[in-house]
Protein backbone atom coordinates (compact mmCIF):
# COMPACT_ATOMS: atom_id res chain seq x y z
CA MET A 1 -47.10 35.38 -43.96
CA GLY A 2 -49.88 37.60 -42.49
CA ASN A 3 -49.84 40.26 -39.53
CA ALA A 4 -51.60 38.09 -37.34
CA SER A 5 -49.08 35.39 -37.74
CA ARG A 6 -46.26 37.14 -37.48
CA ALA A 7 -47.42 38.99 -34.28
CA ALA A 8 -48.48 35.68 -32.72
CA ILE A 9 -44.48 34.21 -33.71
CA ILE A 10 -42.71 37.24 -32.33
CA GLY A 11 -44.90 37.50 -29.03
CA ASP A 12 -44.63 34.20 -27.75
CA ARG A 13 -40.94 34.11 -26.54
CA ARG A 14 -40.96 30.02 -26.42
CA ILE A 15 -40.68 30.06 -30.51
CA THR A 16 -37.59 32.65 -30.84
CA GLY A 17 -36.58 32.82 -27.32
CA LEU A 18 -36.27 36.41 -27.50
CA SER A 19 -38.56 39.09 -26.37
CA ALA A 20 -40.81 41.75 -29.06
CA ASP A 21 -38.62 44.58 -27.98
CA VAL A 22 -35.35 42.73 -28.71
CA ILE A 23 -36.52 41.60 -32.12
CA ALA A 24 -37.77 45.03 -32.67
CA GLU A 25 -34.29 46.21 -31.79
CA LEU A 26 -32.56 43.23 -34.47
CA VAL A 27 -34.93 44.58 -37.17
CA VAL A 28 -34.08 48.02 -36.93
CA GLU A 29 -30.11 47.47 -36.25
CA LEU A 30 -30.18 44.46 -38.95
CA GLY A 31 -32.90 45.57 -41.75
CA PRO A 32 -30.92 48.23 -43.51
CA LEU A 33 -27.61 46.14 -43.44
CA TRP A 34 -29.27 43.08 -44.75
CA HIS A 35 -31.07 45.32 -47.66
CA GLU A 36 -27.65 46.68 -48.48
CA ARG A 37 -25.99 43.24 -48.81
CA HIS A 38 -28.74 42.23 -51.22
CA GLN A 39 -28.80 44.73 -53.24
CA ALA A 40 -24.92 45.01 -53.47
CA LYS A 41 -24.97 41.28 -53.91
CA LEU A 42 -27.39 41.78 -57.08
CA MET A 43 -26.03 45.05 -58.74
CA PRO A 44 -22.35 44.21 -59.87
CA ARG A 45 -23.60 41.14 -62.52
CA GLN A 46 -25.35 41.18 -65.67
CA ARG A 47 -28.91 40.27 -65.64
CA LYS A 48 -29.86 37.02 -67.13
CA ARG A 49 -33.47 37.93 -67.02
CA ALA A 50 -35.66 41.07 -67.18
CA ILE A 51 -36.03 43.66 -63.86
CA GLY A 52 -39.04 41.61 -62.05
CA ALA A 53 -38.79 38.07 -63.73
CA GLY A 54 -37.81 35.15 -62.08
CA ALA A 55 -39.07 34.30 -58.35
CA LYS A 56 -40.84 36.58 -55.79
CA HIS A 57 -39.77 36.29 -52.13
CA ARG A 58 -42.72 36.17 -49.87
CA LEU A 59 -40.92 36.42 -46.75
CA VAL A 60 -39.89 40.04 -45.74
CA PHE A 61 -37.13 40.57 -43.95
CA VAL A 62 -39.17 40.20 -40.06
CA ASP A 63 -40.01 36.58 -41.54
CA ARG A 64 -36.81 35.92 -42.41
CA LEU A 65 -35.34 36.91 -38.87
CA SER A 66 -38.07 34.66 -37.18
CA ALA A 67 -37.35 31.71 -39.35
CA THR A 68 -33.72 32.01 -38.50
CA LEU A 69 -34.32 32.46 -34.72
CA ALA A 70 -36.80 29.86 -34.58
CA HIS A 71 -34.01 27.77 -36.38
CA LEU A 72 -31.10 28.59 -34.11
CA ARG A 73 -33.40 27.82 -31.23
CA HIS A 74 -34.84 24.67 -32.04
CA GLY A 75 -33.02 23.00 -34.58
CA VAL A 76 -35.92 22.38 -36.77
CA THR A 77 -35.57 21.93 -40.25
CA ARG A 78 -36.71 24.15 -43.23
CA ASP A 79 -39.85 21.55 -43.70
CA VAL A 80 -41.04 22.86 -40.20
CA LEU A 81 -40.14 26.31 -40.15
CA ALA A 82 -42.35 26.03 -44.25
CA CYS A 83 -45.13 25.09 -42.44
């Protein structure tokens, strides 16, 4: 997702139900926790593929957070969120 799209989604309170300041606070508070949990989930198991192989995640944490907030507010499906 581009920076312009991300700014439009975060700036429009109708989509997420939260102001840009509250979303920024959530990113600061939850971002490091999400990253630690994600890394911890990857570490304890044996690798089946080489490092860097497999699917590439295109959504950064802010994009995942905004998709989650939009889903919780409007109850939209994953197909709608993908658009």
